[in-house]
Amino acid sequence: IYLIPNVTMLHHLGHTEEHKLPCALVKATNHNYIR
């Protein structure tokens, strides 16, 4: 299985948000209860 680095795509994953913590940047997808 191969990734093609120079080809990009916009995609929507759940209700993603970024949260800045003291030592890291964390992403949360925030999927609904059914998912």
Full PDB file with SEQRES, HELIX, SHEET, SSBOND, CRYST1, ORIGX, SCALE, CONECT and MASTER records, all heavy atoms in Angstrom:
SEQRES   1 A   35  ILE TYR LEU ILE PRO ASN VAL THR MET LEU HIS HIS LEU          
SEQRES   2 A   35  GLY HIS THR GLU GLU HIS LYS LEU PRO CYS ALA LEU VAL          
SEQRES   3 A   35  LYS ALA THR ASN HIS ASN TYR ILE ARG                          
SHEET    1 AA1 2 GLU A  17  LEU A  21  0                                        
SHEET    2 AA1 2 ALA A  24  ALA A  28 -1                                        
CRYST1    1.000    1.000    1.000  90.00  90.00  90.00 P 1           1          
ORIGX1      1.000000  0.000000  0.000000        0.00000                         
ORIGX2      0.000000  1.000000  0.000000        0.00000                         
ORIGX3      0.000000  0.000000  1.000000        0.00000                         
SCALE1      1.000000  0.000000  0.000000        0.00000                         
SCALE2      0.000000  1.000000  0.000000        0.00000                         
SCALE3      0.000000  0.000000  1.000000        0.00000                         
ATOM      1  N   ILE A   1       0.863  -1.179   0.000  1.00  0.00           N  
ATOM      2  CA  ILE A   1       0.000   0.000   0.000  1.00  0.00           C  
ATOM      3  C   ILE A   1       0.895   1.224   0.000  1.00  0.00           C  
ATOM      4  O   ILE A   1       1.838   1.311   0.797  1.00  0.00           O  
ATOM      5  CB  ILE A   1      -0.906  -0.005   1.245  1.00  0.00           C  
ATOM      6  CG1 ILE A   1      -1.858  -1.207   1.173  1.00  0.00           C  
ATOM      7  CG2 ILE A   1      -1.706   1.284   1.358  1.00  0.00           C  
ATOM      8  CD1 ILE A   1      -2.042  -1.892   2.466  1.00  0.00           C  
ATOM      9  N   TYR A   2       0.599   2.166  -0.896  1.00  0.00           N  
ATOM     10  CA  TYR A   2       1.484   3.311  -1.058  1.00  0.00           C  
ATOM     11  C   TYR A   2       0.754   4.644  -0.932  1.00  0.00           C  
ATOM     12  O   TYR A   2      -0.383   4.800  -1.402  1.00  0.00           O  
ATOM     13  CB  TYR A   2       2.164   3.262  -2.433  1.00  0.00           C  
ATOM     14  CG  TYR A   2       3.160   2.136  -2.580  1.00  0.00           C  
ATOM     15  CD1 TYR A   2       2.860   1.027  -3.357  1.00  0.00           C  
ATOM     16  CD2 TYR A   2       4.396   2.182  -1.944  1.00  0.00           C  
ATOM     17  CE1 TYR A   2       3.767  -0.014  -3.501  1.00  0.00           C  
ATOM     18  CE2 TYR A   2       5.312   1.146  -2.084  1.00  0.00           C  
ATOM     19  CZ  TYR A   2       4.997   0.050  -2.859  1.00  0.00           C  
ATOM     20  OH  TYR A   2       5.898  -0.974  -2.996  1.00  0.00           O  
ATOM     21  N   LEU A   3       1.435   5.586  -0.299  1.00  0.00           N  
ATOM     22  CA  LEU A   3       0.999   6.977  -0.234  1.00  0.00           C  
ATOM     23  C   LEU A   3       1.722   7.753  -1.328  1.00  0.00           C  
ATOM     24  O   LEU A   3       2.910   7.538  -1.559  1.00  0.00           O  
ATOM     25  CB  LEU A   3       1.338   7.562   1.133  1.00  0.00           C  
ATOM     26  CG  LEU A   3       1.043   9.055   1.336  1.00  0.00           C  
ATOM     27  CD1 LEU A   3      -0.450   9.273   1.527  1.00  0.00           C  
ATOM     28  CD2 LEU A   3       1.817   9.592   2.539  1.00  0.00           C  
ATOM     29  N   ILE A   4       0.994   8.665  -1.997  1.00  0.00           N  
ATOM     30  CA  ILE A   4       1.590   9.553  -2.991  1.00  0.00           C  
ATOM     31  C   ILE A   4       1.721  10.924  -2.338  1.00  0.00           C  
ATOM     32  O   ILE A   4       0.731  11.658  -2.226  1.00  0.00           O  
ATOM     33  CB  ILE A   4       0.718   9.654  -4.265  1.00  0.00           C  
ATOM     34  CG1 ILE A   4       0.280   8.270  -4.741  1.00  0.00           C  
ATOM     35  CG2 ILE A   4       1.467  10.416  -5.352  1.00  0.00           C  
ATOM     36  CD1 ILE A   4       1.381   7.406  -5.275  1.00  0.00           C  
ATOM     37  N   PRO A   5       2.900  11.318  -1.862  1.00  0.00           N  
ATOM     38  CA  PRO A   5       3.032  12.542  -1.050  1.00  0.00           C  
ATOM     39  C   PRO A   5       2.627  13.823  -1.760  1.00  0.00           C  
ATOM     40  O   PRO A   5       2.141  14.755  -1.113  1.00  0.00           O  
ATOM     41  CB  PRO A   5       4.531  12.563  -0.692  1.00  0.00           C  
ATOM     42  CG  PRO A   5       4.992  11.154  -0.854  1.00  0.00           C  
ATOM     43  CD  PRO A   5       4.171  10.600  -1.973  1.00  0.00           C  
ATOM     44  N   ASN A   6       2.825  13.890  -3.080  1.00  0.00           N  
ATOM     45  CA  ASN A   6       2.570  15.149  -3.786  1.00  0.00           C  
ATOM     46  C   ASN A   6       1.127  15.291  -4.264  1.00  0.00           C  
ATOM     47  O   ASN A   6       0.798  16.223  -4.999  1.00  0.00           O  
ATOM     48  CB  ASN A   6       3.527  15.306  -4.967  1.00  0.00           C  
ATOM     49  CG  ASN A   6       3.381  14.203  -5.997  1.00  0.00           C  
ATOM     50  OD1 ASN A   6       3.204  13.039  -5.647  1.00  0.00           O  
ATOM     51  ND2 ASN A   6       3.453  14.544  -7.269  1.00  0.00           N  
ATOM     52  N   VAL A   7       0.247  14.390  -3.845  1.00  0.00           N  
ATOM     53  CA  VAL A   7      -1.181  14.495  -4.171  1.00  0.00           C  
ATOM     54  C   VAL A   7      -1.947  14.715  -2.871  1.00  0.00           C  
ATOM     55  O   VAL A   7      -1.841  13.923  -1.939  1.00  0.00           O  
ATOM     56  CB  VAL A   7      -1.698  13.228  -4.875  1.00  0.00           C  
ATOM     57  CG1 VAL A   7      -3.192  13.347  -5.145  1.00  0.00           C  
ATOM     58  CG2 VAL A   7      -0.941  12.992  -6.166  1.00  0.00           C  
ATOM     59  N   THR A   8      -2.712  15.791  -2.805  1.00  0.00           N  
ATOM     60  CA  THR A   8      -3.426  16.143  -1.577  1.00  0.00           C  
ATOM     61  C   THR A   8      -4.938  16.093  -1.774  1.00  0.00           C  
ATOM     62  O   THR A   8      -5.434  16.242  -2.889  1.00  0.00           O  
ATOM     63  CB  THR A   8      -3.026  17.544  -1.085  1.00  0.00           C  
ATOM     64  OG1 THR A   8      -3.308  18.504  -2.117  1.00  0.00           O  
ATOM     65  CG2 THR A   8      -1.550  17.601  -0.743  1.00  0.00           C  
ATOM     66  N   MET A   9      -5.655  15.915  -0.671  1.00  0.00           N  
ATOM     67  CA  MET A   9      -7.113  15.872  -0.695  1.00  0.00           C  
ATOM     68  C   MET A   9      -7.651  16.458   0.592  1.00  0.00           C  
ATOM     69  O   MET A   9      -7.149  16.162   1.682  1.00  0.00           O  
ATOM     70  CB  MET A   9      -7.602  14.429  -0.847  1.00  0.00           C  
ATOM     71  CG  MET A   9      -9.119  14.281  -0.889  1.00  0.00           C  
ATOM     72  SD  MET A   9      -9.667  12.546  -0.869  1.00  0.00           S  
ATOM     73  CE  MET A   9      -9.357  12.110   0.859  1.00  0.00           C  
ATOM     74  N   LEU A  10      -8.684  17.292   0.476  1.00  0.00           N  
ATOM     75  CA  LEU A  10      -9.380  17.793   1.659  1.00  0.00           C  
ATOM     76  C   LEU A  10     -10.437  16.776   2.060  1.00  0.00           C  
ATOM     77  O   LEU A  10     -11.176  16.258   1.222  1.00  0.00           O  
ATOM     78  CB  LEU A  10     -10.035  19.140   1.357  1.00  0.00           C  
ATOM     79  CG  LEU A  10      -9.099  20.321   1.156  1.00  0.00           C  
ATOM     80  CD1 LEU A  10      -9.895  21.565   0.797  1.00  0.00           C  
ATOM     81  CD2 LEU A  10      -8.267  20.573   2.404  1.00  0.00           C  
ATOM     82  N   HIS A  11     -10.511  16.506   3.352  1.00  0.00           N  
ATOM     83  CA  HIS A  11     -11.431  15.489   3.843  1.00  0.00           C  
ATOM     84  C   HIS A  11     -11.986  15.949   5.189  1.00  0.00           C  
ATOM     85  O   HIS A  11     -11.301  16.633   5.946  1.00  0.00           O  
ATOM     86  CB  HIS A  11     -10.696  14.155   3.992  1.00  0.00           C  
ATOM     87  CG  HIS A  11     -11.561  13.021   4.444  1.00  0.00           C  
ATOM     88  ND1 HIS A  11     -12.637  12.558   3.716  1.00  0.00           N  
ATOM     89  CD2 HIS A  11     -11.501  12.239   5.549  1.00  0.00           C  
ATOM     90  CE1 HIS A  11     -13.195  11.552   4.359  1.00  0.00           C  
ATOM     91  NE2 HIS A  11     -12.530  11.343   5.476  1.00  0.00           N  
ATOM     92  N   HIS A  12     -13.219  15.571   5.472  1.00  0.00           N  
ATOM     93  CA  HIS A  12     -13.878  15.984   6.710  1.00  0.00           C  
ATOM     94  C   HIS A  12     -14.029  14.775   7.615  1.00  0.00           C  
ATOM     95  O   HIS A  12     -14.736  13.824   7.282  1.00  0.00           O  
ATOM     96  CB  HIS A  12     -15.254  16.583   6.374  1.00  0.00           C  
ATOM     97  CG  HIS A  12     -16.018  17.030   7.577  1.00  0.00           C  
ATOM     98  ND1 HIS A  12     -15.507  17.884   8.517  1.00  0.00           N  
ATOM     99  CD2 HIS A  12     -17.280  16.733   7.988  1.00  0.00           C  
ATOM    100  CE1 HIS A  12     -16.427  18.107   9.456  1.00  0.00           C  
ATOM    101  NE2 HIS A  12     -17.498  17.404   9.159  1.00  0.00           N  
ATOM    102  N   LEU A  13     -13.352  14.780   8.745  1.00  0.00           N  
ATOM    103  CA  LEU A  13     -13.372  13.655   9.669  1.00  0.00           C  
ATOM    104  C   LEU A  13     -14.082  14.061  10.953  1.00  0.00           C  
ATOM    105  O   LEU A  13     -13.539  14.780  11.794  1.00  0.00           O  
ATOM    106  CB  LEU A  13     -11.941  13.204   9.985  1.00  0.00           C  
ATOM    107  CG  LEU A  13     -11.790  11.948  10.850  1.00  0.00           C  
ATOM    108  CD1 LEU A  13     -12.373  10.731  10.128  1.00  0.00           C  
ATOM    109  CD2 LEU A  13     -10.325  11.703  11.166  1.00  0.00           C  
ATOM    110  N   GLY A  14     -15.330  13.607  11.099  1.00  0.00           N  
ATOM    111  CA  GLY A  14     -16.107  13.948  12.285  1.00  0.00           C  
ATOM    112  C   GLY A  14     -16.267  15.450  12.441  1.00  0.00           C  
ATOM    113  O   GLY A  14     -16.536  16.170  11.491  1.00  0.00           O  
ATOM    114  N   HIS A  15     -16.108  15.950  13.656  1.00  0.00           N  
ATOM    115  CA  HIS A  15     -16.156  17.386  13.945  1.00  0.00           C  
ATOM    116  C   HIS A  15     -14.817  17.762  14.586  1.00  0.00           C  
ATOM    117  O   HIS A  15     -14.744  18.133  15.755  1.00  0.00           O  
ATOM    118  CB  HIS A  15     -17.331  17.712  14.867  1.00  0.00           C  
ATOM    119  CG  HIS A  15     -18.664  17.306  14.301  1.00  0.00           C  
ATOM    120  ND1 HIS A  15     -19.315  18.044  13.346  1.00  0.00           N  
ATOM    121  CD2 HIS A  15     -19.436  16.215  14.524  1.00  0.00           C  
ATOM    122  CE1 HIS A  15     -20.452  17.446  13.020  1.00  0.00           C  
ATOM    123  NE2 HIS A  15     -20.545  16.328  13.726  1.00  0.00           N  
ATOM    124  N   THR A  16     -13.788  17.632  13.782  1.00  0.00           N  
ATOM    125  CA  THR A  16     -12.424  17.752  14.295  1.00  0.00           C  
ATOM    126  C   THR A  16     -12.115  19.152  14.806  1.00  0.00           C  
ATOM    127  O   THR A  16     -12.440  20.155  14.178  1.00  0.00           O  
ATOM    128  CB  THR A  16     -11.417  17.375  13.195  1.00  0.00           C  
ATOM    129  OG1 THR A  16     -11.687  16.032  12.763  1.00  0.00           O  
ATOM    130  CG2 THR A  16      -9.988  17.456  13.713  1.00  0.00           C  
ATOM    131  N   GLU A  17     -11.464  19.179  15.957  1.00  0.00           N  
ATOM    132  CA  GLU A  17     -10.981  20.424  16.551  1.00  0.00           C  
ATOM    133  C   GLU A  17      -9.571  20.203  17.070  1.00  0.00           C  
ATOM    134  O   GLU A  17      -9.202  19.091  17.457  1.00  0.00           O  
ATOM    135  CB  GLU A  17     -11.887  20.869  17.705  1.00  0.00           C  
ATOM    136  CG  GLU A  17     -13.303  21.246  17.278  1.00  0.00           C  
ATOM    137  CD  GLU A  17     -14.164  21.648  18.463  1.00  0.00           C  
ATOM    138  OE1 GLU A  17     -13.696  21.453  19.612  1.00  0.00           O  
ATOM    139  OE2 GLU A  17     -15.275  22.137  18.257  1.00  0.00           O  
ATOM    140  N   GLU A  18      -8.784  21.288  17.085  1.00  0.00           N  
ATOM    141  CA  GLU A  18      -7.454  21.239  17.658  1.00  0.00           C  
ATOM    142  C   GLU A  18      -7.467  21.858  19.051  1.00  0.00           C  
ATOM    143  O   GLU A  18      -8.104  22.886  19.273  1.00  0.00           O  
ATOM    144  CB  GLU A  18      -6.446  21.980  16.780  1.00  0.00           C  
ATOM    145  CG  GLU A  18      -6.034  21.218  15.543  1.00  0.00           C  
ATOM    146  CD  GLU A  18      -4.941  21.928  14.774  1.00  0.00           C  
ATOM    147  OE1 GLU A  18      -4.789  23.157  14.947  1.00  0.00           O  
ATOM    148  OE2 GLU A  18      -4.255  21.270  13.977  1.00  0.00           O  
ATOM    149  N   HIS A  19      -6.769  21.221  19.985  1.00  0.00           N  
ATOM    150  CA  HIS A  19      -6.677  21.733  21.350  1.00  0.00           C  
ATOM    151  C   HIS A  19      -5.206  21.858  21.720  1.00  0.00           C  
ATOM    152  O   HIS A  19      -4.442  20.886  21.626  1.00  0.00           O  
ATOM    153  CB  HIS A  19      -7.392  20.793  22.327  1.00  0.00           C  
ATOM    154  CG  HIS A  19      -8.832  20.579  21.991  1.00  0.00           C  
ATOM    155  ND1 HIS A  19      -9.820  21.484  22.330  1.00  0.00           N  
ATOM    156  CD2 HIS A  19      -9.454  19.577  21.315  1.00  0.00           C  
ATOM    157  CE1 HIS A  19     -10.985  21.043  21.905  1.00  0.00           C  
ATOM    158  NE2 HIS A  19     -10.792  19.884  21.286  1.00  0.00           N  
ATOM    159  N   LYS A  20      -4.820  23.045  22.133  1.00  0.00           N  
ATOM    160  CA  LYS A  20      -3.434  23.293  22.482  1.00  0.00           C  
ATOM    161  C   LYS A  20      -3.205  23.000  23.952  1.00  0.00           C  
ATOM    162  O   LYS A  20      -3.774  23.640  24.831  1.00  0.00           O  
ATOM    163  CB  LYS A  20      -3.053  24.739  22.162  1.00  0.00           C  
ATOM    164  CG  LYS A  20      -1.561  25.020  22.269  1.00  0.00           C  
ATOM    165  CD  LYS A  20      -1.228  26.422  21.797  1.00  0.00           C  
ATOM    166  CE  LYS A  20       0.279  26.667  21.848  1.00  0.00           C  
ATOM    167  NZ  LYS A  20       0.611  28.042  21.375  1.00  0.00           N  
ATOM    168  N   LEU A  21      -2.363  22.007  24.206  1.00  0.00           N  
ATOM    169  CA  LEU A  21      -1.981  21.649  25.561  1.00  0.00           C  
ATOM    170  C   LEU A  21      -0.576  22.208  25.841  1.00  0.00           C  
ATOM    171  O   LEU A  21       0.113  22.638  24.920  1.00  0.00           O  
ATOM    172  CB  LEU A  21      -2.002  20.127  25.722  1.00  0.00           C  
ATOM    173  CG  LEU A  21      -3.346  19.442  25.442  1.00  0.00           C  
ATOM    174  CD1 LEU A  21      -3.221  17.941  25.638  1.00  0.00           C  
ATOM    175  CD2 LEU A  21      -4.450  20.009  26.317  1.00  0.00           C  
ATOM    176  N   PRO A  22      -0.147  22.215  27.086  1.00  0.00           N  
ATOM    177  CA  PRO A  22       1.161  22.791  27.413  1.00  0.00           C  
ATOM    178  C   PRO A  22       2.316  22.207  26.605  1.00  0.00           C  
ATOM    179  O   PRO A  22       3.265  22.908  26.269  1.00  0.00           O  
ATOM    180  CB  PRO A  22       1.317  22.474  28.905  1.00  0.00           C  
ATOM    181  CG  PRO A  22      -0.088  22.428  29.409  1.00  0.00           C  
ATOM    182  CD  PRO A  22      -0.888  21.823  28.306  1.00  0.00           C  
ATOM    183  N   CYS A  23       2.233  20.924  26.280  1.00  0.00           N  
ATOM    184  CA  CYS A  23       3.363  20.297  25.589  1.00  0.00           C  
ATOM    185  C   CYS A  23       2.985  19.651  24.265  1.00  0.00           C  
ATOM    186  O   CYS A  23       3.793  18.944  23.661  1.00  0.00           O  
ATOM    187  CB  CYS A  23       4.017  19.253  26.492  1.00  0.00           C  
ATOM    188  SG  CYS A  23       2.886  17.959  27.013  1.00  0.00           S  
ATOM    189  N   ALA A  24       1.758  19.864  23.779  1.00  0.00           N  
ATOM    190  CA  ALA A  24       1.353  19.198  22.541  1.00  0.00           C  
ATOM    191  C   ALA A  24       0.124  19.870  21.937  1.00  0.00           C  
ATOM    192  O   ALA A  24      -0.616  20.590  22.617  1.00  0.00           O  
ATOM    193  CB  ALA A  24       1.058  17.724  22.797  1.00  0.00           C  
ATOM    194  N   LEU A  25      -0.082  19.614  20.636  1.00  0.00           N  
ATOM    195  CA  LEU A  25      -1.291  20.041  19.929  1.00  0.00           C  
ATOM    196  C   LEU A  25      -2.096  18.785  19.632  1.00  0.00           C  
ATOM    197  O   LEU A  25      -1.635  17.896  18.910  1.00  0.00           O  
ATOM    198  CB  LEU A  25      -0.924  20.766  18.637  1.00  0.00           C  
ATOM    199  CG  LEU A  25      -2.078  21.435  17.875  1.00  0.00           C  
ATOM    200  CD1 LEU A  25      -2.675  22.569  18.713  1.00  0.00           C  
ATOM    201  CD2 LEU A  25      -1.587  21.968  16.537  1.00  0.00           C  
ATOM    202  N   VAL A  26      -3.286  18.685  20.216  1.00  0.00           N  
ATOM    203  CA  VAL A  26      -4.072  17.460  20.137  1.00  0.00           C  
ATOM    204  C   VAL A  26      -5.295  17.688  19.250  1.00  0.00           C  
ATOM    205  O   VAL A  26      -5.980  18.716  19.360  1.00  0.00           O  
ATOM    206  CB  VAL A  26      -4.526  17.011  21.545  1.00  0.00           C  
ATOM    207  CG1 VAL A  26      -5.385  15.767  21.458  1.00  0.00           C  
ATOM    208  CG2 VAL A  26      -3.314  16.764  22.422  1.00  0.00           C  
ATOM    209  N   LYS A  27      -5.577  16.704  18.390  1.00  0.00           N  
ATOM    210  CA  LYS A  27      -6.764  16.746  17.545  1.00  0.00           C  
ATOM    211  C   LYS A  27      -7.815  15.798  18.090  1.00  0.00           C  
ATOM    212  O   LYS A  27      -7.519  14.648  18.399  1.00  0.00           O  
ATOM    213  CB  LYS A  27      -6.412  16.357  16.104  1.00  0.00           C  
ATOM    214  CG  LYS A  27      -5.498  17.334  15.388  1.00  0.00           C  
ATOM    215  CD  LYS A  27      -5.191  16.856  13.984  1.00  0.00           C  
ATOM    216  CE  LYS A  27      -4.229  17.799  13.284  1.00  0.00           C  
ATOM    217  NZ  LYS A  27      -3.874  17.327  11.922  1.00  0.00           N  
ATOM    218  N   ALA A  28      -9.060  16.281  18.179  1.00  0.00           N  
ATOM    219  CA  ALA A  28     -10.186  15.452  18.622  1.00  0.00           C  
ATOM    220  C   ALA A  28     -11.217  15.409  17.511  1.00  0.00           C  
ATOM    221  O   ALA A  28     -11.625  16.450  16.991  1.00  0.00           O  
ATOM    222  CB  ALA A  28     -10.806  16.028  19.887  1.00  0.00           C  
ATOM    223  N   THR A  29     -11.645  14.192  17.102  1.00  0.00           N  
ATOM    224  CA  THR A  29     -12.585  14.070  15.986  1.00  0.00           C  
ATOM    225  C   THR A  29     -14.026  14.363  16.393  1.00  0.00           C  
ATOM    226  O   THR A  29     -14.846  14.724  15.550  1.00  0.00           O  
ATOM    227  CB  THR A  29     -12.520  12.656  15.388  1.00  0.00           C  
ATOM    228  OG1 THR A  29     -12.781  11.694  16.424  1.00  0.00           O  
ATOM    229  CG2 THR A  29     -11.143  12.390  14.796  1.00  0.00           C  
ATOM    230  N   ASN A  30     -14.369  14.186  17.668  1.00  0.00           N  
ATOM    231  CA  ASN A  30     -15.706  14.518  18.178  1.00  0.00           C  
ATOM    232  C   ASN A  30     -16.828  13.867  17.367  1.00  0.00           C  
ATOM    233  O   ASN A  30     -17.801  14.512  16.995  1.00  0.00           O  
ATOM    234  CB  ASN A  30     -15.899  16.042  18.197  1.00  0.00           C  
ATOM    235  CG  ASN A  30     -14.902  16.735  19.104  1.00  0.00           C  
ATOM    236  OD1 ASN A  30     -14.727  16.355  20.247  1.00  0.00           O  
ATOM    237  ND2 ASN A  30     -14.229  17.750  18.573  1.00  0.00           N  
ATOM    238  N   HIS A  31     -16.695  12.573  17.089  1.00  0.00           N  
ATOM    239  CA  HIS A  31     -17.760  11.863  16.390  1.00  0.00           C  
ATOM    240  C   HIS A  31     -19.021  11.817  17.253  1.00  0.00           C  
ATOM    241  O   HIS A  31     -18.955  11.816  18.490  1.00  0.00           O  
ATOM    242  CB  HIS A  31     -17.327  10.424  16.085  1.00  0.00           C  
ATOM    243  CG  HIS A  31     -16.333  10.315  14.965  1.00  0.00           C  
ATOM    244  ND1 HIS A  31     -16.596  10.730  13.685  1.00  0.00           N  
ATOM    245  CD2 HIS A  31     -15.069   9.821  14.941  1.00  0.00           C  
ATOM    246  CE1 HIS A  31     -15.556  10.494  12.920  1.00  0.00           C  
ATOM    247  NE2 HIS A  31     -14.607   9.953  13.660  1.00  0.00           N  
ATOM    248  N   ASN A  32     -20.195  11.752  16.589  1.00  0.00           N  
ATOM    249  CA  ASN A  32     -21.441  11.674  17.343  1.00  0.00           C  
ATOM    250  C   ASN A  32     -21.601  10.275  17.957  1.00  0.00           C  
ATOM    251  O   ASN A  32     -20.827   9.364  17.697  1.00  0.00           O  
ATOM    252  CB  ASN A  32     -22.643  12.038  16.462  1.00  0.00           C  
ATOM    253  CG  ASN A  32     -22.831  11.069  15.293  1.00  0.00           C  
ATOM    254  OD1 ASN A  32     -22.569   9.881  15.406  1.00  0.00           O  
ATOM    255  ND2 ASN A  32     -23.286  11.590  14.169  1.00  0.00           N  
ATOM    256  N   TYR A  33     -22.632  10.124  18.787  1.00  0.00           N  
ATOM    257  CA  TYR A  33     -22.778   8.890  19.572  1.00  0.00           C  
ATOM    258  C   TYR A  33     -23.015   7.664  18.692  1.00  0.00           C  
ATOM    259  O   TYR A  33     -22.592   6.550  19.039  1.00  0.00           O  
ATOM    260  CB  TYR A  33     -23.914   9.043  20.588  1.00  0.00           C  
ATOM    261  CG  TYR A  33     -25.304   9.099  19.990  1.00  0.00           C  
ATOM    262  CD1 TYR A  33     -26.083   7.945  19.909  1.00  0.00           C  
ATOM    263  CD2 TYR A  33     -25.835  10.295  19.505  1.00  0.00           C  
ATOM    264  CE1 TYR A  33     -27.363   7.984  19.363  1.00  0.00           C  
ATOM    265  CE2 TYR A  33     -27.099  10.345  18.962  1.00  0.00           C  
ATOM    266  CZ  TYR A  33     -27.862   9.194  18.884  1.00  0.00           C  
ATOM    267  OH  TYR A  33     -29.114   9.236  18.324  1.00  0.00           O  
ATOM    268  N   ILE A  34     -23.681   7.844  17.537  1.00  0.00           N  
ATOM    269  CA  ILE A  34     -23.928   6.702  16.659  1.00  0.00           C  
ATOM    270  C   ILE A  34     -22.610   6.201  16.076  1.00  0.00           C  
ATOM    271  O   ILE A  34     -22.340   4.993  16.055  1.00  0.00           O  
ATOM    272  CB  ILE A  34     -24.899   7.096  15.527  1.00  0.00           C  
ATOM    273  CG1 ILE A  34     -26.269   7.453  16.122  1.00  0.00           C  
ATOM    274  CG2 ILE A  34     -25.043   5.952  14.514  1.00  0.00           C  
ATOM    275  CD1 ILE A  34     -27.264   7.940  15.099  1.00  0.00           C  
ATOM    276  N   ARG A  35     -21.774   7.134  15.622  1.00  0.00           N  
ATOM    277  CA  ARG A  35     -20.482   6.742  15.075  1.00  0.00           C  
ATOM    278  C   ARG A  35     -19.599   6.126  16.149  1.00  0.00           C  
ATOM    279  O   ARG A  35     -18.858   5.175  15.912  1.00  0.00           O  
ATOM    280  CB  ARG A  35     -19.810   7.963  14.453  1.00  0.00           C  
ATOM    281  CG  ARG A  35     -18.513   7.660  13.705  1.00  0.00           C  
ATOM    282  CD  ARG A  35     -18.775   6.814  12.467  1.00  0.00           C  
ATOM    283  NE  ARG A  35     -17.521   6.561  11.781  1.00  0.00           N  
ATOM    284  CZ  ARG A  35     -16.991   7.354  10.843  1.00  0.00           C  
ATOM    285  NH1 ARG A  35     -17.629   8.464  10.492  1.00  0.00           N  
ATOM    286  NH2 ARG A  35     -15.870   7.035  10.256  1.00  0.00           N  
TER     287      ARG A  35                                                      
MASTER        0    0    0    0    2    0    0    6  286    1    0    3          
END                                                                             
